[in-house]
């Protein structure tokens, strides 16, 4: 079942912000620690006003992790970046990545195919 915001987006009545953040763990132990730390981040982020969706995916072919977030607007995303749980996650994964997160932020709107 889709939520009302997703329904509006699909019908062309809504724009949203989409974030894709790719993480490359140093090793398997680091990957597991990142996933563990992400559980708290995801749980709390999904409760934030204006969050539409927040998920973490594992790409087994590239051994990377991909966060995919959906927010109602940019101001709400900016507020999320200031939350305690977001900043705690950053501290929790410090030293666990091969390189900095590769973060892309998109403004999305519905298009007809």
N, C-alpha and C. Protein backbone atom coordinates (compact mmCIF):
# COMPACT_ATOMS: atom_id res chain seq x y z
N UNK A 1 0.84 -1.18 0.00
CA UNK A 1 0.00 0.00 0.00
C UNK A 1 0.89 1.25 0.00
N UNK A 2 0.58 2.21 -0.82
CA UNK A 2 1.38 3.43 -0.87
C UNK A 2 0.76 4.49 0.03
N UNK A 3 1.62 5.39 0.55
CA UNK A 3 1.08 6.45 1.39
C UNK A 3 0.56 7.60 0.52
N UNK A 4 -0.11 8.54 1.16
CA UNK A 4 -0.76 9.63 0.45
C UNK A 4 0.25 10.51 -0.30
N UNK A 5 1.40 10.78 0.31
CA UNK A 5 2.42 11.62 -0.33
C UNK A 5 2.93 10.95 -1.59
N UNK A 6 3.21 9.64 -1.51
CA UNK A 6 3.67 8.91 -2.69
C UNK A 6 2.59 8.93 -3.77
N UNK A 7 1.32 8.78 -3.37
CA UNK A 7 0.20 8.84 -4.31
C UNK A 7 0.18 10.18 -5.05
N UNK A 8 0.32 11.29 -4.30
CA UNK A 8 0.32 12.61 -4.93
C UNK A 8 1.49 12.76 -5.89
N UNK A 9 2.66 12.25 -5.48
CA UNK A 9 3.84 12.32 -6.35
C UNK A 9 3.58 11.58 -7.65
N UNK A 10 3.05 10.38 -7.55
CA UNK A 10 2.80 9.58 -8.74
C UNK A 10 1.76 10.22 -9.65
N UNK A 11 0.84 10.97 -9.07
CA UNK A 11 -0.20 11.62 -9.85
C UNK A 11 0.22 13.00 -10.36
N UNK A 12 1.44 13.41 -10.06
CA UNK A 12 1.94 14.68 -10.56
C UNK A 12 1.61 15.87 -9.69
N UNK A 13 1.10 15.63 -8.48
CA UNK A 13 0.73 16.73 -7.61
C UNK A 13 1.73 16.99 -6.51
N UNK A 14 2.94 16.50 -6.66
CA UNK A 14 3.89 16.63 -5.55
C UNK A 14 5.31 16.52 -6.07
N UNK A 15 6.19 17.33 -5.53
CA UNK A 15 7.62 17.21 -5.78
C UNK A 15 8.27 16.74 -4.49
N UNK A 16 9.41 16.13 -4.60
CA UNK A 16 10.12 15.68 -3.41
C UNK A 16 11.61 15.77 -3.62
N UNK A 17 12.33 15.66 -2.53
CA UNK A 17 13.79 15.62 -2.55
C UNK A 17 14.20 14.17 -2.34
N UNK A 18 15.10 13.69 -3.19
CA UNK A 18 15.62 12.33 -3.06
C UNK A 18 17.12 12.42 -2.81
N UNK A 19 17.57 11.68 -1.81
CA UNK A 19 19.00 11.63 -1.48
C UNK A 19 19.49 10.21 -1.71
N UNK A 20 20.62 10.09 -2.39
CA UNK A 20 21.32 8.81 -2.53
C UNK A 20 22.71 9.01 -1.96
N UNK A 21 23.04 8.23 -0.94
CA UNK A 21 24.36 8.33 -0.31
C UNK A 21 25.02 6.96 -0.35
N UNK A 22 26.11 6.88 -1.10
CA UNK A 22 26.82 5.61 -1.28
C UNK A 22 27.99 5.54 -0.30
N UNK A 23 28.04 4.43 0.44
CA UNK A 23 29.11 4.20 1.41
C UNK A 23 29.93 2.98 0.98
N UNK A 24 31.25 3.12 1.04
CA UNK A 24 32.14 2.00 0.73
C UNK A 24 32.88 1.62 2.01
N UNK A 25 32.44 0.56 2.68
CA UNK A 25 33.09 0.15 3.93
C UNK A 25 34.52 -0.34 3.69
N UNK A 26 35.36 -0.17 4.72
CA UNK A 26 36.75 -0.63 4.63
C UNK A 26 36.84 -2.14 4.51
N UNK A 27 35.96 -2.84 5.22
CA UNK A 27 35.98 -4.30 5.24
C UNK A 27 34.63 -4.80 5.75
N UNK A 28 34.50 -6.11 5.85
CA UNK A 28 33.22 -6.72 6.26
C UNK A 28 32.83 -6.31 7.68
N UNK A 29 33.80 -6.25 8.58
CA UNK A 29 33.51 -5.83 9.95
C UNK A 29 32.98 -4.40 9.97
N UNK A 30 33.61 -3.53 9.20
CA UNK A 30 33.15 -2.14 9.10
C UNK A 30 31.75 -2.07 8.52
N UNK A 31 31.49 -2.88 7.51
CA UNK A 31 30.16 -2.91 6.89
C UNK A 31 29.10 -3.27 7.92
N UNK A 32 29.37 -4.27 8.72
CA UNK A 32 28.40 -4.69 9.74
C UNK A 32 28.18 -3.60 10.78
N UNK A 33 29.23 -2.89 11.16
CA UNK A 33 29.10 -1.80 12.13
C UNK A 33 28.29 -0.64 11.54
N UNK A 34 28.49 -0.37 10.27
CA UNK A 34 27.72 0.69 9.61
C UNK A 34 26.24 0.32 9.58
N UNK A 35 25.95 -0.91 9.22
CA UNK A 35 24.55 -1.37 9.17
C UNK A 35 23.92 -1.28 10.55
N UNK A 36 24.66 -1.67 11.57
CA UNK A 36 24.14 -1.61 12.94
C UNK A 36 23.86 -0.16 13.35
N UNK A 37 24.79 0.74 13.05
CA UNK A 37 24.60 2.15 13.38
C UNK A 37 23.45 2.75 12.58
N UNK A 38 23.27 2.30 11.35
CA UNK A 38 22.22 2.83 10.48
C UNK A 38 20.82 2.47 10.98
N UNK A 39 20.70 1.37 11.70
CA UNK A 39 19.37 0.95 12.18
C UNK A 39 18.74 2.05 13.03
N UNK A 40 19.50 2.64 13.94
CA UNK A 40 18.99 3.72 14.79
C UNK A 40 18.69 4.97 13.96
N UNK A 41 19.60 5.30 13.04
CA UNK A 41 19.40 6.46 12.18
C UNK A 41 18.11 6.32 11.37
N UNK A 42 17.92 5.18 10.76
CA UNK A 42 16.75 4.96 9.92
C UNK A 42 15.46 5.01 10.74
N UNK A 43 15.47 4.33 11.88
CA UNK A 43 14.28 4.30 12.74
C UNK A 43 13.86 5.72 13.14
N UNK A 44 14.81 6.52 13.59
CA UNK A 44 14.49 7.87 14.05
C UNK A 44 14.18 8.81 12.89
N UNK A 45 14.86 8.63 11.77
CA UNK A 45 14.61 9.50 10.61
C UNK A 45 13.22 9.29 10.05
N UNK A 46 12.74 8.06 10.06
CA UNK A 46 11.40 7.77 9.55
C UNK A 46 10.31 8.43 10.39
N UNK A 47 10.64 8.80 11.63
CA UNK A 47 9.68 9.46 12.51
C UNK A 47 9.68 10.98 12.34
N UNK A 48 10.63 11.50 11.60
CA UNK A 48 10.73 12.95 11.42
C UNK A 48 9.61 13.48 10.54
N UNK A 49 9.13 14.66 10.90
CA UNK A 49 8.13 15.34 10.09
C UNK A 49 8.72 15.60 8.70
N UNK A 50 8.01 15.21 7.66
CA UNK A 50 8.46 15.46 6.30
C UNK A 50 9.27 14.34 5.67
N UNK A 51 9.54 13.28 6.43
CA UNK A 51 10.24 12.14 5.84
C UNK A 51 9.21 11.26 5.14
N UNK A 52 9.49 10.92 3.91
CA UNK A 52 8.61 10.04 3.14
C UNK A 52 9.11 8.61 3.20
N UNK A 53 10.42 8.44 3.09
CA UNK A 53 11.01 7.10 3.11
C UNK A 53 12.50 7.22 3.43
N UNK A 54 13.04 6.17 4.03
CA UNK A 54 14.47 6.17 4.40
C UNK A 54 14.90 4.71 4.46
N UNK A 55 15.77 4.30 3.57
CA UNK A 55 16.18 2.89 3.51
C UNK A 55 17.67 2.76 3.25
N UNK A 56 18.18 1.59 3.58
CA UNK A 56 19.58 1.25 3.32
C UNK A 56 19.60 -0.04 2.53
N UNK A 57 20.34 -0.04 1.42
CA UNK A 57 20.45 -1.21 0.56
C UNK A 57 21.91 -1.63 0.46
N UNK A 58 22.12 -2.93 0.30
CA UNK A 58 23.47 -3.47 0.15
C UNK A 58 23.64 -3.97 -1.27
N UNK A 59 24.68 -3.48 -1.95
CA UNK A 59 25.00 -3.94 -3.30
C UNK A 59 26.09 -5.00 -3.17
N UNK A 60 25.71 -6.25 -3.33
CA UNK A 60 26.67 -7.34 -3.13
C UNK A 60 27.69 -7.43 -4.26
N UNK A 61 27.37 -6.90 -5.41
CA UNK A 61 28.32 -6.94 -6.53
C UNK A 61 29.46 -5.95 -6.35
N UNK A 62 29.18 -4.80 -5.75
CA UNK A 62 30.21 -3.78 -5.55
C UNK A 62 30.66 -3.70 -4.09
N UNK A 63 30.02 -4.45 -3.21
CA UNK A 63 30.28 -4.41 -1.77
C UNK A 63 30.16 -2.98 -1.23
N UNK A 64 29.06 -2.33 -1.60
CA UNK A 64 28.77 -0.98 -1.14
C UNK A 64 27.41 -0.95 -0.46
N UNK A 65 27.17 0.11 0.28
CA UNK A 65 25.88 0.35 0.90
C UNK A 65 25.29 1.62 0.29
N UNK A 66 23.99 1.64 0.09
CA UNK A 66 23.34 2.80 -0.50
C UNK A 66 22.15 3.22 0.35
N UNK A 67 22.23 4.44 0.88
CA UNK A 67 21.09 5.04 1.56
C UNK A 67 20.24 5.72 0.50
N UNK A 68 18.94 5.50 0.56
CA UNK A 68 18.00 6.20 -0.31
C UNK A 68 16.95 6.84 0.59
N UNK A 69 16.88 8.16 0.51
CA UNK A 69 15.97 8.92 1.36
C UNK A 69 15.03 9.73 0.49
N UNK A 70 13.82 9.93 0.98
CA UNK A 70 12.85 10.79 0.30
C UNK A 70 12.30 11.76 1.34
N UNK A 71 12.33 13.05 0.98
CA UNK A 71 11.89 14.12 1.87
C UNK A 71 10.90 15.01 1.15
N UNK A 72 9.98 15.62 1.90
CA UNK A 72 8.97 16.49 1.29
C UNK A 72 9.58 17.72 0.64
N UNK A 73 10.63 18.29 1.24
CA UNK A 73 11.27 19.46 0.64
C UNK A 73 12.69 19.63 1.19
N UNK A 74 13.42 20.57 0.61
CA UNK A 74 14.82 20.78 0.96
C UNK A 74 14.99 21.30 2.38
N UNK A 75 14.10 22.16 2.82
CA UNK A 75 14.20 22.69 4.19
C UNK A 75 14.09 21.58 5.22
N UNK A 76 13.22 20.63 4.97
CA UNK A 76 13.06 19.50 5.88
C UNK A 76 14.32 18.64 5.88
N UNK A 77 14.90 18.42 4.70
CA UNK A 77 16.16 17.68 4.64
C UNK A 77 17.25 18.40 5.41
N UNK A 78 17.35 19.72 5.24
CA UNK A 78 18.37 20.49 5.96
C UNK A 78 18.18 20.37 7.47
N UNK A 79 16.94 20.36 7.93
CA UNK A 79 16.67 20.19 9.36
C UNK A 79 17.12 18.80 9.82
N UNK A 80 16.89 17.80 8.98
CA UNK A 80 17.32 16.43 9.30
C UNK A 80 18.83 16.37 9.50
N UNK A 81 19.58 17.11 8.70
CA UNK A 81 21.04 17.09 8.79
C UNK A 81 21.55 17.68 10.10
N UNK A 82 20.69 18.37 10.83
CA UNK A 82 21.06 18.96 12.12
C UNK A 82 20.62 18.12 13.32
N UNK A 83 19.92 17.02 13.07
CA UNK A 83 19.40 16.23 14.19
C UNK A 83 20.51 15.49 14.92
N UNK A 84 20.22 15.19 16.17
CA UNK A 84 21.18 14.46 17.00
C UNK A 84 21.47 13.08 16.42
N UNK A 85 20.44 12.36 15.97
CA UNK A 85 20.66 11.00 15.47
C UNK A 85 21.46 11.00 14.17
N UNK A 86 21.29 12.02 13.33
CA UNK A 86 22.09 12.09 12.11
C UNK A 86 23.56 12.33 12.45
N UNK A 87 23.81 13.28 13.34
CA UNK A 87 25.19 13.58 13.72
C UNK A 87 25.83 12.44 14.50
N UNK A 88 25.05 11.72 15.30
CA UNK A 88 25.58 10.56 16.01
C UNK A 88 25.99 9.47 15.03
N UNK A 89 25.20 9.29 13.98
CA UNK A 89 25.55 8.30 12.96
C UNK A 89 26.90 8.65 12.32
N UNK A 90 27.09 9.92 12.01
CA UNK A 90 28.37 10.35 11.45
C UNK A 90 29.54 10.01 12.36
N UNK A 91 29.35 10.22 13.65
CA UNK A 91 30.40 9.88 14.62
C UNK A 91 30.60 8.37 14.71
N UNK A 92 29.50 7.63 14.64
CA UNK A 92 29.56 6.16 14.77
C UNK A 92 30.31 5.51 13.61
N UNK A 93 30.23 6.10 12.42
CA UNK A 93 30.88 5.46 11.26
C UNK A 93 32.24 6.06 10.95
N UNK A 94 32.67 7.01 11.76
CA UNK A 94 33.98 7.63 11.55
C UNK A 94 35.06 6.55 11.54
N UNK A 95 35.84 6.51 10.48
CA UNK A 95 36.92 5.54 10.35
C UNK A 95 36.53 4.20 9.75
N UNK A 96 35.24 4.03 9.41
CA UNK A 96 34.77 2.75 8.88
C UNK A 96 34.68 2.73 7.35
N UNK A 97 34.88 3.88 6.71
CA UNK A 97 34.72 3.98 5.25
C UNK A 97 36.07 4.08 4.55
N UNK A 98 36.13 3.52 3.33
CA UNK A 98 37.33 3.65 2.50
C UNK A 98 37.52 5.09 2.03
N UNK A 99 36.39 5.77 1.80
CA UNK A 99 36.41 7.16 1.34
C UNK A 99 35.15 7.84 1.83
N UNK A 100 35.07 9.15 1.65
CA UNK A 100 33.89 9.89 2.08
C UNK A 100 32.63 9.37 1.38
N UNK A 101 31.50 9.55 2.05
CA UNK A 101 30.23 9.20 1.42
C UNK A 101 30.09 9.95 0.10
N UNK A 102 29.57 9.27 -0.91
CA UNK A 102 29.26 9.88 -2.20
C UNK A 102 27.78 10.24 -2.17
N UNK A 103 27.48 11.52 -1.96
CA UNK A 103 26.10 11.95 -1.73
C UNK A 103 25.58 12.74 -2.92
N UNK A 104 24.40 12.35 -3.40
CA UNK A 104 23.71 13.06 -4.47
C UNK A 104 22.31 13.42 -3.99
N UNK A 105 21.90 14.66 -4.23
CA UNK A 105 20.58 15.14 -3.83
C UNK A 105 19.85 15.59 -5.08
N UNK A 106 18.62 15.11 -5.24
CA UNK A 106 17.82 15.39 -6.43
C UNK A 106 16.47 15.99 -6.05
N UNK A 107 15.99 16.89 -6.87
CA UNK A 107 14.62 17.36 -6.77
C UNK A 107 13.84 16.60 -7.83
N UNK A 108 12.82 15.88 -7.41
CA UNK A 108 12.10 15.01 -8.34
C UNK A 108 10.66 15.46 -8.50
N UNK A 109 10.16 15.29 -9.70
CA UNK A 109 8.75 15.52 -9.97
C UNK A 109 8.26 14.45 -10.93
N UNK A 110 6.99 14.22 -10.91
CA UNK A 110 6.40 13.20 -11.74
C UNK A 110 6.45 13.60 -13.22
N UNK A 111 6.75 12.63 -14.08
CA UNK A 111 6.66 12.83 -15.52
C UNK A 111 5.85 11.68 -16.11
N UNK A 112 5.14 11.97 -17.16
CA UNK A 112 4.35 10.94 -17.82
C UNK A 112 5.21 10.19 -18.82
N UNK A 113 5.10 8.88 -18.86
CA UNK A 113 5.83 8.07 -19.83
C UNK A 113 4.95 7.75 -21.02
